[in-house]
Protein backbone atom coordinates (compact mmCIF):
# COMPACT_ATOMS: atom_id res chain seq x y z
CA UNK A 1 20.82 55.15 -40.44
CA UNK A 2 18.99 57.83 -42.50
CA UNK A 3 15.26 58.39 -42.42
CA UNK A 4 14.91 57.13 -46.00
CA UNK A 5 16.74 53.91 -45.19
CA UNK A 6 14.61 53.33 -42.10
CA UNK A 7 11.44 53.93 -44.11
CA UNK A 8 12.61 51.43 -46.71
CA UNK A 9 13.45 48.78 -44.11
CA UNK A 10 10.09 48.91 -42.35
CA UNK A 11 7.97 47.50 -45.22
CA UNK A 12 10.52 44.73 -45.85
CA UNK A 13 10.41 43.75 -42.21
CA UNK A 14 6.62 43.78 -42.25
CA UNK A 15 6.57 41.65 -45.38
CA UNK A 16 8.90 39.11 -43.79
CA UNK A 17 6.64 38.88 -40.76
CA UNK A 18 3.58 38.38 -42.95
CA UNK A 19 5.30 35.65 -44.96
CA UNK A 20 6.43 33.99 -41.75
CA UNK A 21 2.89 34.01 -40.37
CA UNK A 22 1.51 32.67 -43.66
CA UNK A 23 4.08 29.87 -43.62
CA UNK A 24 3.26 29.05 -40.01
CA UNK A 25 -0.46 28.99 -40.78
CA UNK A 26 0.13 26.71 -43.76
CA UNK A 27 2.26 24.40 -41.63
CA UNK A 28 -0.46 24.18 -38.98
CA UNK A 29 -3.06 23.35 -41.61
CA UNK A 30 -0.89 20.66 -43.24
CA UNK A 31 0.35 19.12 -39.99
CA UNK A 32 -2.69 16.85 -39.28
CA UNK A 33 -2.63 15.37 -42.80
CA UNK A 34 1.14 14.94 -42.69
CA UNK A 35 1.01 13.17 -39.33
CA UNK A 36 -1.83 10.95 -40.55
CA UNK A 37 0.17 9.95 -43.65
CA UNK A 38 3.27 9.20 -41.60
CA UNK A 39 1.45 7.08 -39.00
CA UNK A 40 -0.98 5.20 -41.23
CA UNK A 41 0.89 5.08 -44.54
CA UNK A 42 4.63 5.58 -44.31
CA UNK A 43 5.21 3.58 -41.11
CA UNK A 44 3.14 0.52 -42.18
CA UNK A 45 4.85 0.39 -45.58
CA UNK A 46 8.25 0.69 -43.89
CA UNK A 47 7.36 -2.19 -41.55
CA UNK A 48 6.22 -4.36 -44.45
CA UNK A 49 9.50 -3.66 -46.22
CA UNK A 50 11.57 -4.46 -43.12
CA UNK A 51 9.66 -7.68 -42.40
CA UNK A 52 10.15 -8.81 -46.01
CA UNK A 53 13.84 -9.39 -45.24
CA UNK A 54 13.18 -11.48 -42.09
CA UNK A 55 13.60 -15.24 -41.87
CA UNK A 56 10.58 -17.55 -41.60
CA UNK A 57 10.92 -21.19 -40.60
CA UNK A 58 8.57 -23.63 -38.88
CA UNK A 59 5.94 -20.96 -38.38
CA UNK A 60 8.32 -18.56 -36.63
CA UNK A 61 9.48 -15.19 -37.94
CA UNK A 62 12.96 -14.19 -36.82
CA UNK A 63 14.81 -10.90 -37.44
CA UNK A 64 17.66 -10.93 -39.90
CA UNK A 65 18.42 -10.15 -43.50
CA UNK A 66 17.69 -12.54 -46.34
CA UNK A 67 16.66 -12.25 -49.97
CA UNK A 68 15.12 -15.72 -50.03
CA UNK A 69 11.60 -14.29 -49.88
CA UNK A 70 12.19 -12.16 -52.96
CA UNK A 71 13.92 -15.01 -54.76
CA UNK A 72 10.92 -17.25 -54.09
CA UNK A 73 8.44 -14.60 -55.23
CA UNK A 74 10.27 -13.82 -58.46
CA UNK A 75 11.58 -17.30 -59.17
CA UNK A 76 8.35 -19.30 -58.82
CA UNK A 77 6.14 -19.67 -61.86
CA UNK A 78 2.95 -19.60 -59.81
CA UNK A 79 3.62 -16.18 -58.30
CA UNK A 80 4.90 -14.73 -61.57
CA UNK A 81 1.68 -15.92 -63.19
CA UNK A 82 -0.41 -14.25 -60.50
CA UNK A 83 1.47 -10.98 -60.98
CA UNK A 84 0.89 -11.11 -64.73
CA UNK A 85 -2.78 -12.02 -64.30
CA UNK A 86 -3.27 -9.11 -61.90
CA UNK A 87 -1.78 -6.62 -64.35
CA UNK A 88 -3.80 -8.11 -67.21
CA UNK A 89 -7.00 -7.78 -65.19
CA UNK A 90 -6.11 -4.19 -64.36
CA UNK A 91 -5.46 -3.19 -67.96
CA UNK A 92 -8.49 -5.05 -69.33
CA UNK A 93 -10.95 -3.70 -66.77
CA UNK A 94 -9.57 -0.19 -67.26
CA UNK A 95 -10.06 -0.43 -71.02
CA UNK A 96 -13.60 -1.81 -70.66
CA UNK A 97 -14.53 0.92 -68.17
CA UNK A 98 -13.17 3.58 -70.54
CA UNK A 99 -15.09 2.21 -73.54
CA UNK A 100 -18.33 1.88 -71.56
CA UNK A 101 -17.90 4.91 -69.32
CA UNK A 102 -16.99 7.58 -71.87
CA UNK A 103 -20.33 7.52 -73.79
CA UNK A 104 -22.24 7.45 -70.51
CA UNK A 105 -20.30 10.41 -69.10
CA UNK A 106 -20.72 12.33 -72.36
CA UNK A 107 -24.46 11.68 -72.46
CA UNK A 108 -24.91 12.82 -68.85
CA UNK A 109 -22.73 15.91 -69.35
CA UNK A 110 -24.72 16.94 -72.44
CA UNK A 111 -28.13 16.31 -70.87
CA UNK A 112 -30.14 19.36 -69.92
CA UNK A 113 -31.25 20.64 -66.52
CA UNK A 114 -33.35 18.22 -64.53
CA UNK A 115 -32.36 15.18 -66.56
CA UNK A 116 -28.69 15.83 -65.89
CA UNK A 117 -29.31 15.95 -62.13
CA UNK A 118 -31.33 12.73 -62.20
CA UNK A 119 -28.70 10.92 -64.26
CA UNK A 120 -25.93 12.17 -62.00
CA UNK A 121 -27.76 10.81 -58.96
CA UNK A 122 -28.09 7.49 -60.81
CA UNK A 123 -24.31 7.48 -61.25
CA UNK A 124 -23.60 7.83 -57.54
CA UNK A 125 -26.29 5.39 -56.38
CA UNK A 126 -23.81 2.44 -56.53
CA UNK A 127 -21.77 4.16 -53.83
CA UNK A 128 -24.76 3.85 -51.51
CA UNK A 129 -24.41 0.06 -51.55
CA UNK A 130 -21.37 -1.75 -50.21
CA UNK A 131 -19.09 -3.63 -52.56
CA UNK A 132 -19.94 -6.86 -50.73
CA UNK A 133 -23.63 -6.60 -51.57
CA UNK A 134 -22.96 -5.70 -55.20
CA UNK A 135 -20.50 -8.56 -55.64
CA UNK A 136 -22.80 -11.14 -54.05
CA UNK A 137 -25.58 -9.89 -56.33
CA UNK A 138 -23.45 -10.89 -59.31
CA UNK A 139 -22.74 -14.25 -57.68
CA UNK A 140 -26.48 -14.89 -57.49
CA UNK A 141 -27.05 -13.75 -61.07
CA UNK A 142 -24.18 -15.77 -62.57
CA UNK A 143 -24.79 -18.96 -60.60
CA UNK A 144 -25.88 -22.26 -62.13
CA UNK A 145 -29.49 -21.50 -61.22
CA UNK A 146 -29.00 -17.76 -61.46
CA UNK A 147 -30.88 -15.16 -63.42
CA UNK A 148 -28.60 -15.30 -66.47
CA UNK A 149 -28.86 -19.06 -66.96
CA UNK A 150 -32.59 -18.94 -66.24
CA UNK A 151 -33.11 -16.30 -68.91
CA UNK A 152 -31.06 -18.20 -71.49
CA UNK A 153 -33.01 -21.39 -70.82
CA UNK A 154 -36.34 -19.60 -71.08
CA UNK A 155 -35.31 -18.11 -74.41
CA UNK A 156 -34.35 -21.57 -75.66
CA UNK A 157 -30.74 -20.60 -76.26
CA UNK A 158 -29.30 -23.29 -73.98
CA UNK A 159 -30.49 -26.63 -72.62
CA UNK A 160 -28.01 -27.00 -69.78
CA UNK A 161 -26.74 -24.26 -67.45
CA UNK A 162 -23.50 -22.61 -68.48
CA UNK A 163 -20.63 -22.05 -66.09
CA UNK A 164 -20.28 -18.32 -65.57
CA UNK A 165 -19.31 -18.28 -61.92
CA UNK A 166 -15.69 -18.88 -60.82
CA UNK A 167 -14.33 -17.88 -64.21
CA UNK A 168 -12.23 -15.03 -65.54
CA UNK A 169 -15.32 -13.58 -67.21
CA UNK A 170 -17.17 -13.39 -63.90
CA UNK A 171 -14.26 -11.59 -62.26
CA UNK A 172 -14.04 -9.11 -65.16
CA UNK A 173 -17.77 -8.41 -65.01
CA UNK A 174 -17.72 -7.91 -61.26
CA UNK A 175 -14.65 -5.63 -61.30
CA UNK A 176 -16.07 -3.58 -64.17
CA UNK A 177 -19.36 -3.10 -62.36
CA UNK A 178 -17.68 -2.12 -59.11
CA UNK A 179 -15.17 0.35 -60.55
CA UNK A 180 -17.07 1.79 -63.52
CA UNK A 181 -18.30 4.84 -61.51
CA UNK A 182 -14.67 5.76 -60.79
CA UNK A 183 -14.20 6.14 -64.55
CA UNK A 184 -17.46 7.93 -65.29
CA UNK A 185 -17.28 10.60 -62.60
CA UNK A 186 -13.86 12.09 -63.60
CA UNK A 187 -14.93 12.01 -67.24
CA UNK A 188 -18.20 13.72 -66.41
CA UNK A 189 -16.43 16.42 -64.40
CA UNK A 190 -14.23 17.30 -67.40
CA UNK A 191 -16.83 16.89 -70.16
CA UNK A 192 -19.28 19.11 -68.30
CA UNK A 193 -16.79 21.99 -68.44
CA UNK A 194 -16.25 21.72 -72.22
CA UNK A 195 -18.24 24.49 -73.88
CA UNK A 196 -20.62 22.94 -76.47
CA UNK A 197 -20.05 26.07 -78.57
CA UNK A 198 -16.57 24.72 -79.42
CA UNK A 199 -18.09 21.58 -80.91
CA UNK A 200 -20.71 23.61 -82.76
CA UNK A 201 -18.02 25.89 -84.16
CA UNK A 202 -16.01 22.92 -85.43
CA UNK A 203 -19.06 21.50 -87.21
CA UNK A 204 -19.93 24.93 -88.65
CA UNK A 205 -16.42 25.00 -90.13
CA UNK A 206 -17.05 21.74 -91.94
CA UNK A 207 -15.95 19.07 -89.49
CA UNK A 208 -18.23 16.06 -89.11
CA UNK A 209 -19.28 14.64 -85.78
CA UNK A 210 -16.49 12.06 -85.71
CA UNK A 211 -13.80 14.58 -86.63
CA UNK A 212 -15.18 17.07 -84.13
CA UNK A 213 -14.99 14.45 -81.42
CA UNK A 214 -11.45 13.41 -82.34
CA UNK A 215 -10.08 16.94 -82.79
CA UNK A 216 -12.03 18.89 -80.15
CA UNK A 217 -13.89 16.84 -77.53
CA UNK A 218 -11.41 14.03 -76.98
CA UNK A 219 -8.29 16.22 -76.56
CA UNK A 220 -10.11 18.51 -74.12
CA UNK A 221 -11.34 15.50 -72.12
CA UNK A 222 -7.92 13.84 -71.77
CA UNK A 223 -7.46 15.00 -68.14
CA UNK A 224 -10.63 13.09 -67.22
CA UNK A 225 -9.50 10.07 -69.23
CA UNK A 226 -6.13 10.07 -67.47
CA UNK A 227 -7.64 10.42 -64.01
CA UNK A 228 -10.31 7.78 -64.60
CA UNK A 229 -7.87 5.26 -66.07
CA UNK A 230 -5.43 5.75 -63.22
CA UNK A 231 -8.11 5.35 -60.56
CA UNK A 232 -9.66 2.24 -62.11
CA UNK A 233 -6.31 0.58 -62.75
CA UNK A 234 -5.03 1.11 -59.19
CA UNK A 235 -8.29 0.01 -57.61
CA UNK A 236 -8.56 -3.05 -59.85
CA UNK A 237 -5.07 -4.46 -59.28
CA UNK A 238 -5.51 -3.99 -55.53
CA UNK A 239 -8.89 -5.73 -55.39
CA UNK A 240 -9.24 -8.98 -53.48
CA UNK A 241 -12.92 -9.25 -52.50
CA UNK A 242 -14.43 -9.49 -55.99
CA UNK A 243 -11.92 -12.09 -57.29
CA UNK A 244 -12.37 -14.08 -54.09
CA UNK A 245 -16.18 -14.21 -54.37
CA UNK A 246 -16.63 -14.49 -58.14
CA UNK A 247 -13.38 -16.17 -59.14
CA UNK A 248 -12.73 -18.65 -56.39
CA UNK A 249 -9.35 -20.33 -55.87
CA UNK A 250 -8.63 -20.54 -59.61
CA UNK A 251 -8.83 -16.80 -60.32
CA UNK A 252 -6.81 -15.30 -57.48
CA UNK A 253 -5.13 -11.94 -57.86
CA UNK A 254 -1.99 -10.85 -56.06
CA UNK A 255 -3.94 -9.18 -53.25
CA UNK A 256 -5.61 -12.52 -52.49
CA UNK A 257 -2.23 -14.26 -52.33
CA UNK A 258 -0.80 -11.59 -50.04
CA UNK A 259 -3.79 -11.89 -47.74
CA UNK A 260 -3.39 -15.66 -47.60
CA UNK A 261 0.27 -15.31 -46.64
CA UNK A 262 -0.57 -12.91 -43.82
CA UNK A 263 -3.74 -14.48 -42.41
CA UNK A 264 -3.56 -18.17 -43.33
CA UNK A 265 0.08 -19.25 -43.33
CA UNK A 266 1.20 -16.29 -41.17
CA UNK A 267 4.30 -16.00 -43.35
CA UNK A 268 4.67 -12.25 -42.95
CA UNK A 269 8.16 -12.05 -44.51
CA UNK A 270 7.03 -13.68 -47.74
CA UNK A 271 3.80 -11.69 -47.75
CA UNK A 272 5.87 -8.55 -47.26
CA UNK A 273 8.11 -9.49 -50.18
CA UNK A 274 5.08 -10.02 -52.43
CA UNK A 275 3.59 -6.72 -51.29
CA UNK A 276 6.87 -4.85 -51.83
CA UNK A 277 7.32 -6.26 -55.34
CA UNK A 278 3.71 -5.45 -56.16
CA UNK A 279 4.13 -1.88 -54.88
CA UNK A 280 7.29 -1.35 -56.93
CA UNK A 281 5.67 -2.72 -60.10
CA UNK A 282 2.64 -0.50 -59.57
CA UNK A 283 4.75 2.61 -59.00
CA UNK A 284 6.85 1.91 -62.09
CA UNK A 285 3.74 1.44 -64.23
CA UNK A 286 2.23 4.67 -62.91
CA UNK A 287 5.44 6.58 -63.60
CA UNK A 288 5.60 5.19 -67.13
CA UNK A 289 1.92 6.02 -67.63
CA UNK A 290 2.43 9.60 -66.45
CA UNK A 291 5.49 9.90 -68.65
CA UNK A 292 3.71 8.66 -71.74
CA UNK A 293 0.52 10.64 -71.29
CA UNK A 294 2.06 13.65 -69.54
CA UNK A 295 -0.54 13.37 -66.77
CA UNK A 296 0.92 16.27 -64.80
CA UNK A 297 0.63 18.66 -67.75
CA UNK A 298 -2.87 17.46 -68.58
CA UNK A 299 -3.95 18.33 -65.08
CA UNK A 300 -2.41 21.77 -65.43
């Protein structure tokens, strides 16, 4: 081998070693998260899927393969209705959070200095209180003798207490209150980075405030809209505590039904079938959502 060839091979060999070390370092850094996902995410989901094909009779679960659990879940009107109600709740709460959260996030992002910091702290204060406390607070307010009915009676609007609790409205209010911060924070993070000069330039060129918002602010904020909507929708359809406390037996969502199958009737195969169907529906809706709104490109 000539001296020139040896000199040319040395850097290549050094580069290969550096890339190998970088790959090894990356693998070491990713290993804990990968192991955690496998143990606490992949394995439990795989077990739920396997159990969903087991037989269940007279309170006993036996190994085997049957599609009866899926046939019951998809062929019974009650469970189909719960699936549809869950998706409707998810879409409605997401839309409400977007309509309410966008102006709030915009106002906070455009506030100056100290006010912005104070308002941002106010946004994260709900995270300092558990969801149980916040939900029970709404139960007290919406009760027959709660603050809402008391205020309406004092104003002379009603003579008898109205039924707010254990209704669809109560569930919607509770879910919106609980998950609204998950819409506002992604929107705030994106709106804060939009240079106000762009909006000023659009108005200097003759665009009104509405047109400036539609042509400049809204398109630039779409990554925050996509992230917030996705977070709120996923969290809403998977909620079981708020519907259980504010909705009662008449306003159950699919998570409540799955919990009942696992912890009340101990019918793990049927609960697994419900959970598997719910997971597939959720994944399909997320894929369609990403396809329609090009979520991956918006993030880029």
